């Protein structure tokens, strides 16, 4: 038997935390975008790879993994699938022979543009739902959360 006090959970408090709300928003976004993206032949994960290569051509697999928030082991099959489909290609790095850069092919640019139209439409829906001022405010606040999270250190024993 333990002398620790019984723990009670308050749904409103736990589910009302920003971390919980961000997770629910992420799941809602995923549920909204995946069916539409899949209709044009890409998943959200594949779109993330394509979009990042569209914005920053020449990324390595490791750089792409960091930008998309997955491990290098997880990015490899995504890259392989996109190479197999002819949407991206590997090229030798101009200064480092053992490093390969990733680039969109012409077909990859077309597919990325098709998927990006869907994502732009989704983003416009969010902007219209919030209004311009709240949309900009949300972007600023989310950027601040993203910037601050690397500085968080969990408590040593997992408690507060």
N, C-alpha and C. Protein backbone atom coordinates (compact mmCIF):
# COMPACT_ATOMS: atom_id res chain seq x y z
N UNK A 1 0.84 -1.18 0.00
CA UNK A 1 0.00 0.00 0.00
C UNK A 1 0.89 1.24 0.00
N UNK A 2 0.45 2.27 -0.70
CA UNK A 2 1.25 3.49 -0.83
C UNK A 2 0.59 4.65 -0.09
N UNK A 3 1.42 5.58 0.35
CA UNK A 3 0.91 6.76 1.04
C UNK A 3 0.68 7.93 0.09
N UNK A 4 0.86 7.70 -1.21
CA UNK A 4 0.67 8.79 -2.17
C UNK A 4 -0.81 9.15 -2.24
N UNK A 5 -1.11 10.44 -2.38
CA UNK A 5 -2.51 10.84 -2.49
C UNK A 5 -3.13 10.35 -3.79
N UNK A 6 -4.42 10.11 -3.75
CA UNK A 6 -5.13 9.71 -4.96
C UNK A 6 -5.10 10.86 -5.96
N UNK A 7 -4.93 10.51 -7.21
CA UNK A 7 -4.87 11.52 -8.25
C UNK A 7 -6.22 11.58 -8.94
N UNK A 8 -6.74 12.77 -9.09
CA UNK A 8 -7.98 12.95 -9.84
C UNK A 8 -7.65 13.75 -11.09
N UNK A 9 -8.37 13.47 -12.13
CA UNK A 9 -8.13 14.12 -13.41
C UNK A 9 -9.34 14.97 -13.76
N UNK A 10 -9.09 16.21 -14.07
CA UNK A 10 -10.13 17.14 -14.47
C UNK A 10 -10.09 17.24 -15.99
N UNK A 11 -11.11 16.68 -16.66
CA UNK A 11 -11.13 16.67 -18.13
C UNK A 11 -10.91 18.05 -18.72
N UNK A 12 -11.63 19.03 -18.20
CA UNK A 12 -11.53 20.38 -18.76
C UNK A 12 -10.12 20.93 -18.61
N UNK A 13 -9.49 20.65 -17.48
CA UNK A 13 -8.14 21.16 -17.26
C UNK A 13 -7.13 20.43 -18.15
N UNK A 14 -7.20 19.13 -18.19
CA UNK A 14 -6.24 18.34 -18.98
C UNK A 14 -6.45 18.60 -20.48
N UNK A 15 -7.68 18.50 -20.95
CA UNK A 15 -7.94 18.67 -22.37
C UNK A 15 -7.92 20.13 -22.80
N UNK A 16 -7.94 21.05 -21.86
CA UNK A 16 -7.88 22.47 -22.17
C UNK A 16 -6.47 23.02 -22.23
N UNK A 17 -5.49 22.20 -21.94
CA UNK A 17 -4.11 22.64 -22.03
C UNK A 17 -3.75 22.92 -23.48
N UNK A 18 -2.84 23.85 -23.68
CA UNK A 18 -2.43 24.19 -25.03
C UNK A 18 -1.87 22.97 -25.76
N UNK A 19 -1.07 22.16 -25.08
CA UNK A 19 -0.49 20.97 -25.73
C UNK A 19 -1.59 20.03 -26.23
N UNK A 20 -2.63 19.83 -25.41
CA UNK A 20 -3.75 18.98 -25.84
C UNK A 20 -4.52 19.60 -27.00
N UNK A 21 -4.71 20.90 -26.92
CA UNK A 21 -5.44 21.59 -27.98
C UNK A 21 -4.66 21.57 -29.29
N UNK A 22 -3.34 21.75 -29.22
CA UNK A 22 -2.51 21.67 -30.42
C UNK A 22 -2.60 20.27 -31.04
N UNK A 23 -2.60 19.25 -30.22
CA UNK A 23 -2.70 17.88 -30.73
C UNK A 23 -4.04 17.65 -31.41
N UNK A 24 -5.12 18.13 -30.79
CA UNK A 24 -6.44 17.97 -31.40
C UNK A 24 -6.53 18.75 -32.71
N UNK A 25 -5.93 19.93 -32.74
CA UNK A 25 -5.92 20.73 -33.98
C UNK A 25 -5.13 20.00 -35.06
N UNK A 26 -4.01 19.40 -34.69
CA UNK A 26 -3.20 18.65 -35.65
C UNK A 26 -3.99 17.46 -36.21
N UNK A 27 -4.70 16.76 -35.34
CA UNK A 27 -5.51 15.63 -35.80
C UNK A 27 -6.66 16.09 -36.70
N UNK A 28 -7.27 17.22 -36.37
CA UNK A 28 -8.35 17.75 -37.21
C UNK A 28 -7.81 18.16 -38.58
N UNK A 29 -6.64 18.77 -38.58
CA UNK A 29 -6.00 19.17 -39.84
C UNK A 29 -5.67 17.94 -40.68
N UNK A 30 -5.14 16.92 -40.03
CA UNK A 30 -4.81 15.67 -40.73
C UNK A 30 -6.06 15.04 -41.34
N UNK A 31 -7.14 14.99 -40.57
CA UNK A 31 -8.39 14.40 -41.06
C UNK A 31 -8.96 15.20 -42.23
N UNK A 32 -8.75 16.51 -42.22
CA UNK A 32 -9.26 17.35 -43.31
C UNK A 32 -8.42 17.21 -44.58
N UNK A 33 -7.10 17.21 -44.45
CA UNK A 33 -6.25 17.27 -45.63
C UNK A 33 -5.97 15.92 -46.29
N UNK A 34 -5.88 14.85 -45.50
CA UNK A 34 -5.47 13.56 -46.08
C UNK A 34 -6.36 13.08 -47.21
N UNK A 35 -7.69 13.04 -47.04
CA UNK A 35 -8.51 12.54 -48.16
C UNK A 35 -8.36 13.37 -49.43
N UNK A 36 -8.28 14.68 -49.28
CA UNK A 36 -8.15 15.55 -50.46
C UNK A 36 -6.79 15.35 -51.13
N UNK A 37 -5.72 15.26 -50.33
CA UNK A 37 -4.40 15.05 -50.92
C UNK A 37 -4.31 13.68 -51.59
N UNK A 38 -4.89 12.68 -50.97
CA UNK A 38 -4.81 11.32 -51.54
C UNK A 38 -5.54 11.24 -52.89
N UNK A 39 -6.55 12.09 -53.07
CA UNK A 39 -7.25 12.11 -54.36
C UNK A 39 -6.32 12.56 -55.49
N UNK A 40 -5.30 13.35 -55.17
CA UNK A 40 -4.35 13.75 -56.20
C UNK A 40 -3.07 12.91 -56.14
N UNK A 41 -3.09 11.85 -55.32
CA UNK A 41 -2.01 10.87 -55.35
C UNK A 41 -0.88 11.06 -54.36
N UNK A 42 -1.04 11.92 -53.37
CA UNK A 42 0.00 12.05 -52.35
C UNK A 42 -0.63 12.03 -50.96
N UNK A 43 0.14 11.60 -50.00
CA UNK A 43 -0.28 11.70 -48.60
C UNK A 43 0.26 13.00 -48.03
N UNK A 44 -0.15 13.33 -46.83
CA UNK A 44 0.39 14.51 -46.18
C UNK A 44 1.89 14.44 -46.00
N UNK A 45 2.40 13.25 -45.70
CA UNK A 45 3.85 13.06 -45.53
C UNK A 45 4.59 13.28 -46.84
N UNK A 46 4.05 12.73 -47.92
CA UNK A 46 4.70 12.92 -49.23
C UNK A 46 4.63 14.38 -49.66
N UNK A 47 3.50 15.03 -49.37
CA UNK A 47 3.39 16.45 -49.69
C UNK A 47 4.44 17.25 -48.93
N UNK A 48 4.65 16.94 -47.67
CA UNK A 48 5.65 17.66 -46.87
C UNK A 48 7.03 17.55 -47.51
N UNK A 49 7.38 16.38 -48.00
CA UNK A 49 8.67 16.18 -48.68
C UNK A 49 8.72 17.01 -49.96
N UNK A 50 7.68 16.88 -50.78
CA UNK A 50 7.64 17.61 -52.04
C UNK A 50 7.68 19.12 -51.83
N UNK A 51 6.88 19.61 -50.90
CA UNK A 51 6.81 21.05 -50.65
C UNK A 51 8.15 21.59 -50.17
N UNK A 52 8.80 20.86 -49.27
CA UNK A 52 10.10 21.31 -48.78
C UNK A 52 11.14 21.32 -49.89
N UNK A 53 11.11 20.33 -50.78
CA UNK A 53 12.04 20.33 -51.91
C UNK A 53 11.70 21.41 -52.92
N UNK A 54 10.43 21.76 -53.02
CA UNK A 54 10.04 22.86 -53.90
C UNK A 54 10.58 24.19 -53.40
N UNK A 55 10.56 24.36 -52.09
CA UNK A 55 11.02 25.61 -51.49
C UNK A 55 12.55 25.63 -51.38
N UNK A 56 13.15 24.48 -51.05
CA UNK A 56 14.60 24.40 -50.84
C UNK A 56 15.18 23.24 -51.65
N UNK A 57 15.34 23.42 -52.95
CA UNK A 57 15.90 22.34 -53.76
C UNK A 57 17.32 22.02 -53.30
N UNK A 58 17.67 20.75 -53.41
CA UNK A 58 19.04 20.35 -53.09
C UNK A 58 19.25 19.90 -51.66
N UNK A 59 18.17 19.71 -50.91
CA UNK A 59 18.32 19.22 -49.55
C UNK A 59 18.85 17.79 -49.55
N UNK A 60 19.57 17.44 -48.50
CA UNK A 60 19.97 16.04 -48.32
C UNK A 60 18.84 15.33 -47.59
N UNK A 61 18.92 14.02 -47.52
CA UNK A 61 17.91 13.25 -46.80
C UNK A 61 17.84 13.66 -45.33
N UNK A 62 18.99 13.85 -44.70
CA UNK A 62 19.03 14.23 -43.29
C UNK A 62 18.41 15.61 -43.07
N UNK A 63 18.71 16.55 -43.95
CA UNK A 63 18.11 17.89 -43.84
C UNK A 63 16.60 17.84 -44.02
N UNK A 64 16.18 17.04 -44.97
CA UNK A 64 14.75 16.88 -45.24
C UNK A 64 14.05 16.24 -44.05
N UNK A 65 14.68 15.27 -43.43
CA UNK A 65 14.10 14.63 -42.24
C UNK A 65 13.91 15.65 -41.13
N UNK A 66 14.91 16.49 -40.88
CA UNK A 66 14.80 17.51 -39.83
C UNK A 66 13.66 18.48 -40.14
N UNK A 67 13.56 18.92 -41.38
CA UNK A 67 12.53 19.89 -41.75
C UNK A 67 11.11 19.31 -41.67
N UNK A 68 10.98 18.04 -41.94
CA UNK A 68 9.64 17.43 -41.93
C UNK A 68 9.31 16.80 -40.58
N UNK A 69 10.28 16.81 -39.66
CA UNK A 69 10.02 16.32 -38.30
C UNK A 69 10.00 14.82 -38.17
N UNK A 70 10.74 14.13 -39.03
CA UNK A 70 10.83 12.67 -38.92
C UNK A 70 12.30 12.26 -38.82
N UNK A 71 12.52 11.02 -38.52
CA UNK A 71 13.90 10.51 -38.43
C UNK A 71 14.45 10.25 -39.83
N UNK A 72 15.77 10.22 -39.97
CA UNK A 72 16.36 9.86 -41.27
C UNK A 72 15.88 8.48 -41.75
N UNK A 73 15.66 7.56 -40.80
CA UNK A 73 15.16 6.24 -41.18
C UNK A 73 13.74 6.31 -41.74
N UNK A 74 12.94 7.24 -41.24
CA UNK A 74 11.56 7.37 -41.72
C UNK A 74 11.49 8.12 -43.05
N UNK A 75 12.46 9.00 -43.30
CA UNK A 75 12.41 9.77 -44.55
C UNK A 75 12.82 8.90 -45.75
N UNK A 76 13.69 7.92 -45.51
CA UNK A 76 14.21 7.10 -46.61
C UNK A 76 13.12 6.43 -47.44
N UNK A 77 12.11 5.78 -46.84
CA UNK A 77 11.07 5.17 -47.67
C UNK A 77 10.22 6.21 -48.42
N UNK A 78 10.01 7.37 -47.80
CA UNK A 78 9.25 8.42 -48.49
C UNK A 78 10.01 8.90 -49.72
N UNK A 79 11.30 9.14 -49.55
CA UNK A 79 12.15 9.56 -50.67
C UNK A 79 12.16 8.47 -51.73
N UNK A 80 12.32 7.22 -51.30
CA UNK A 80 12.34 6.09 -52.25
C UNK A 80 11.07 6.02 -53.07
N UNK A 81 9.93 6.21 -52.41
CA UNK A 81 8.65 6.15 -53.11
C UNK A 81 8.55 7.27 -54.14
N UNK A 82 9.00 8.47 -53.77
CA UNK A 82 8.92 9.61 -54.68
C UNK A 82 9.90 9.48 -55.85
N UNK A 83 11.05 8.89 -55.61
CA UNK A 83 12.00 8.62 -56.69
C UNK A 83 11.41 7.60 -57.65
N UNK A 84 10.84 6.53 -57.07
CA UNK A 84 10.22 5.48 -57.88
C UNK A 84 9.10 6.03 -58.77
N UNK A 85 8.37 6.99 -58.25
CA UNK A 85 7.28 7.61 -59.01
C UNK A 85 7.77 8.69 -59.97
N UNK A 86 9.06 8.98 -59.95
CA UNK A 86 9.62 9.97 -60.86
C UNK A 86 9.34 11.41 -60.45
N UNK A 87 9.03 11.63 -59.16
CA UNK A 87 8.70 12.98 -58.71
C UNK A 87 9.91 13.72 -58.15
N UNK A 88 10.89 12.97 -57.66
CA UNK A 88 12.14 13.59 -57.23
C UNK A 88 13.31 12.77 -57.77
N UNK A 89 14.48 13.38 -57.75
CA UNK A 89 15.68 12.69 -58.21
C UNK A 89 16.84 13.05 -57.31
N UNK A 90 17.80 12.15 -57.26
CA UNK A 90 19.04 12.39 -56.53
C UNK A 90 20.07 12.95 -57.50
N UNK A 91 20.84 13.91 -56.98
CA UNK A 91 21.95 14.46 -57.77
C UNK A 91 23.17 14.54 -56.87
N UNK A 92 24.33 14.39 -57.48
CA UNK A 92 25.57 14.50 -56.71
C UNK A 92 25.72 15.94 -56.21
N UNK A 93 26.18 16.06 -54.98
CA UNK A 93 26.47 17.37 -54.40
C UNK A 93 27.65 17.96 -55.17
N UNK A 94 27.61 19.25 -55.52
CA UNK A 94 28.68 19.83 -56.33
C UNK A 94 30.07 19.81 -55.67
N UNK A 95 30.12 19.82 -54.32
CA UNK A 95 31.43 19.85 -53.66
C UNK A 95 31.75 18.59 -52.86
N UNK A 96 30.76 17.78 -52.56
CA UNK A 96 30.98 16.59 -51.73
C UNK A 96 30.46 15.36 -52.47
N UNK A 97 31.36 14.58 -52.99
CA UNK A 97 31.00 13.45 -53.84
C UNK A 97 30.14 12.41 -53.13
N UNK A 98 30.29 12.27 -51.82
CA UNK A 98 29.54 11.22 -51.12
C UNK A 98 28.17 11.70 -50.60
N UNK A 99 27.80 12.94 -50.90
CA UNK A 99 26.51 13.47 -50.49
C UNK A 99 25.62 13.63 -51.71
N UNK A 100 24.37 13.19 -51.57
CA UNK A 100 23.42 13.33 -52.66
C UNK A 100 22.34 14.34 -52.28
N UNK A 101 22.05 15.23 -53.20
CA UNK A 101 21.00 16.21 -53.01
C UNK A 101 19.72 15.69 -53.64
N UNK A 102 18.60 16.17 -53.15
CA UNK A 102 17.30 15.78 -53.68
C UNK A 102 16.67 16.98 -54.37
N UNK A 103 16.09 16.72 -55.54
CA UNK A 103 15.46 17.77 -56.35
C UNK A 103 14.15 17.25 -56.92
N UNK A 104 13.18 18.16 -57.06
CA UNK A 104 11.95 17.82 -57.76
C UNK A 104 12.25 17.64 -59.24
N UNK A 105 11.60 16.69 -59.86
CA UNK A 105 11.63 16.58 -61.31
C UNK A 105 10.54 17.50 -61.85
N UNK A 106 10.45 17.62 -63.16
CA UNK A 106 9.37 18.43 -63.75
C UNK A 106 8.01 17.85 -63.35
N UNK A 107 7.90 16.54 -63.40
CA UNK A 107 6.67 15.87 -62.97
C UNK A 107 6.41 16.14 -61.48
N UNK A 108 7.46 16.15 -60.68
CA UNK A 108 7.34 16.45 -59.26
C UNK A 108 6.85 17.86 -59.00
N UNK A 109 7.32 18.80 -59.83
CA UNK A 109 6.84 20.19 -59.68
C UNK A 109 5.35 20.28 -59.99
N UNK A 110 4.90 19.57 -61.02
CA UNK A 110 3.48 19.58 -61.36
C UNK A 110 2.63 18.97 -60.25
N UNK A 111 3.09 17.82 -59.72
CA UNK A 111 2.35 17.15 -58.65
C UNK A 111 2.33 17.98 -57.37
N UNK A 112 3.44 18.62 -57.08
CA UNK A 112 3.52 19.48 -55.90
C UNK A 112 2.55 20.65 -56.05
N UNK A 113 2.49 21.22 -57.22
CA UNK A 113 1.58 22.34 -57.48
C UNK A 113 0.13 21.90 -57.30
N UNK A 114 -0.22 20.71 -57.77
CA UNK A 114 -1.59 20.20 -57.61
C UNK A 114 -1.94 20.04 -56.13
N UNK A 115 -1.03 19.43 -55.38
CA UNK A 115 -1.26 19.23 -53.95
C UNK A 115 -1.26 20.56 -53.21
N UNK A 116 -0.41 21.48 -53.64
CA UNK A 116 -0.32 22.76 -52.96
C UNK A 116 -1.60 23.59 -53.15
N UNK A 117 -2.27 23.42 -54.28
CA UNK A 117 -3.55 24.12 -54.47
C UNK A 117 -4.56 23.67 -53.41
N UNK A 118 -4.53 22.38 -53.08
CA UNK A 118 -5.41 21.86 -52.03
C UNK A 118 -5.04 22.48 -50.68
N UNK A 119 -3.74 22.51 -50.38
CA UNK A 119 -3.31 23.05 -49.10
C UNK A 119 -3.57 24.56 -49.01
N UNK A 120 -3.44 25.27 -50.11
CA UNK A 120 -3.76 26.69 -50.12
C UNK A 120 -5.26 26.89 -49.86
N UNK A 121 -6.08 26.06 -50.47
CA UNK A 121 -7.53 26.14 -50.27
C UNK A 121 -7.87 25.87 -48.80
N UNK A 122 -7.21 24.88 -48.20
CA UNK A 122 -7.43 24.58 -46.79
C UNK A 122 -7.00 25.76 -45.91
N UNK A 123 -5.84 26.33 -46.21
CA UNK A 123 -5.35 27.47 -45.44
C UNK A 123 -6.28 28.67 -45.58
N UNK A 124 -6.81 28.88 -46.79
CA UNK A 124 -7.76 29.96 -47.01
C UNK A 124 -9.03 29.75 -46.19
N UNK A 125 -9.46 28.51 -46.10
CA UNK A 125 -10.63 28.18 -45.27
C UNK A 125 -10.36 28.55 -43.81
N UNK A 126 -9.18 28.22 -43.33
CA UNK A 126 -8.82 28.56 -41.93
C UNK A 126 -8.79 30.07 -41.76
N UNK A 127 -8.18 30.78 -42.71
CA UNK A 127 -8.11 32.24 -42.64
C UNK A 127 -9.52 32.85 -42.66
N UNK A 128 -10.37 32.36 -43.55
CA UNK A 128 -11.74 32.87 -43.63
C UNK A 128 -12.52 32.58 -42.36
N UNK A 129 -12.26 31.42 -41.75
CA UNK A 129 -12.96 31.05 -40.51
C UNK A 129 -12.54 31.93 -39.34
N UNK A 130 -11.28 32.31 -39.30
CA UNK A 130 -10.75 33.12 -38.20
C UNK A 130 -10.84 34.62 -38.45
N UNK A 131 -10.75 35.01 -39.69
CA UNK A 131 -10.59 36.42 -40.03
C UNK A 131 -9.11 36.73 -40.11
N UNK A 132 -8.77 37.76 -40.87
CA UNK A 132 -7.36 38.08 -41.11
C UNK A 132 -6.57 38.35 -39.83
N UNK A 133 -7.14 39.13 -38.92
CA UNK A 133 -6.40 39.50 -37.71
C UNK A 133 -6.11 38.28 -36.83
N UNK A 134 -7.12 37.46 -36.57
CA UNK A 134 -6.91 36.28 -35.73
C UNK A 134 -6.01 35.26 -36.43
N UNK A 135 -6.10 35.16 -37.75
CA UNK A 135 -5.23 34.28 -38.52
C UNK A 135 -3.77 34.68 -38.31
N UNK A 136 -3.49 35.97 -38.48
CA UNK A 136 -2.11 36.46 -38.28
C UNK A 136 -1.67 36.25 -36.83
N UNK A 137 -2.57 36.51 -35.90
CA UNK A 137 -2.25 36.33 -34.49
C UNK A 137 -1.93 34.86 -34.19
N UNK A 138 -2.72 33.94 -34.75
CA UNK A 138 -2.46 32.52 -34.56
C UNK A 138 -1.09 32.13 -35.10
N UNK A 139 -0.76 32.63 -36.30
CA UNK A 139 0.56 32.34 -36.88
C UNK A 139 1.68 32.80 -35.96
N UNK A 140 1.56 34.01 -35.44
CA UNK A 140 2.58 34.56 -34.54
C UNK A 140 2.69 33.70 -33.28
N UNK A 141 1.55 33.35 -32.69
CA UNK A 141 1.57 32.55 -31.46
C UNK A 141 2.13 31.16 -31.70
N UNK A 142 1.74 30.53 -32.80
CA UNK A 142 2.28 29.20 -33.11
C UNK A 142 3.79 29.26 -33.35
N UNK A 143 4.25 30.29 -34.05
CA UNK A 143 5.70 30.46 -34.24
C UNK A 143 6.42 30.61 -32.90
N UNK A 144 5.81 31.32 -31.97
CA UNK A 144 6.42 31.48 -30.65
C UNK A 144 6.47 30.14 -29.90
N UNK A 145 5.42 29.34 -30.02
CA UNK A 145 5.42 28.02 -29.39
C UNK A 145 6.54 27.17 -30.00
N UNK A 146 6.63 27.17 -31.32
CA UNK A 146 7.67 26.39 -32.00
C UNK A 146 9.06 26.82 -31.55
N UNK A 147 9.27 28.11 -31.42
CA UNK A 147 10.56 28.64 -31.01
C UNK A 147 10.88 28.30 -29.56
N UNK A 148 9.87 28.32 -28.70
CA UNK A 148 10.12 28.11 -27.27
C UNK A 148 10.28 26.64 -26.88
N UNK A 149 9.69 25.72 -27.62
CA UNK A 149 9.70 24.32 -27.21
C UNK A 149 11.09 23.70 -27.05
N UNK A 150 12.06 24.01 -27.89
CA UNK A 150 13.38 23.41 -27.67
C UNK A 150 14.00 23.78 -26.32
N UNK A 151 13.56 24.85 -25.69
CA UNK A 151 14.10 25.24 -24.39
C UNK A 151 13.46 24.54 -23.21
N UNK A 152 12.40 23.76 -23.46
CA UNK A 152 11.73 23.06 -22.36
C UNK A 152 12.54 21.88 -21.91
N UNK A 153 12.66 21.72 -20.60
CA UNK A 153 13.35 20.58 -20.01
C UNK A 153 12.34 19.89 -19.08
N UNK A 154 12.07 18.60 -19.33
CA UNK A 154 11.11 17.90 -18.46
C UNK A 154 11.66 17.77 -17.04
N UNK A 155 10.77 17.65 -16.07
CA UNK A 155 11.26 17.45 -14.70
C UNK A 155 12.05 16.15 -14.61
N UNK A 156 13.04 16.09 -13.73
CA UNK A 156 13.93 14.91 -13.68
C UNK A 156 13.22 13.61 -13.37
N UNK A 157 12.16 13.64 -12.58
CA UNK A 157 11.48 12.38 -12.23
C UNK A 157 10.16 12.20 -12.96
N UNK A 158 9.90 13.08 -13.95
CA UNK A 158 8.65 12.97 -14.70
C UNK A 158 7.47 13.65 -14.03
N UNK A 159 7.71 14.26 -12.87
CA UNK A 159 6.62 14.96 -12.20
C UNK A 159 6.94 16.45 -12.16
N UNK A 160 6.04 17.22 -11.60
CA UNK A 160 6.26 18.67 -11.59
C UNK A 160 7.20 19.12 -10.51
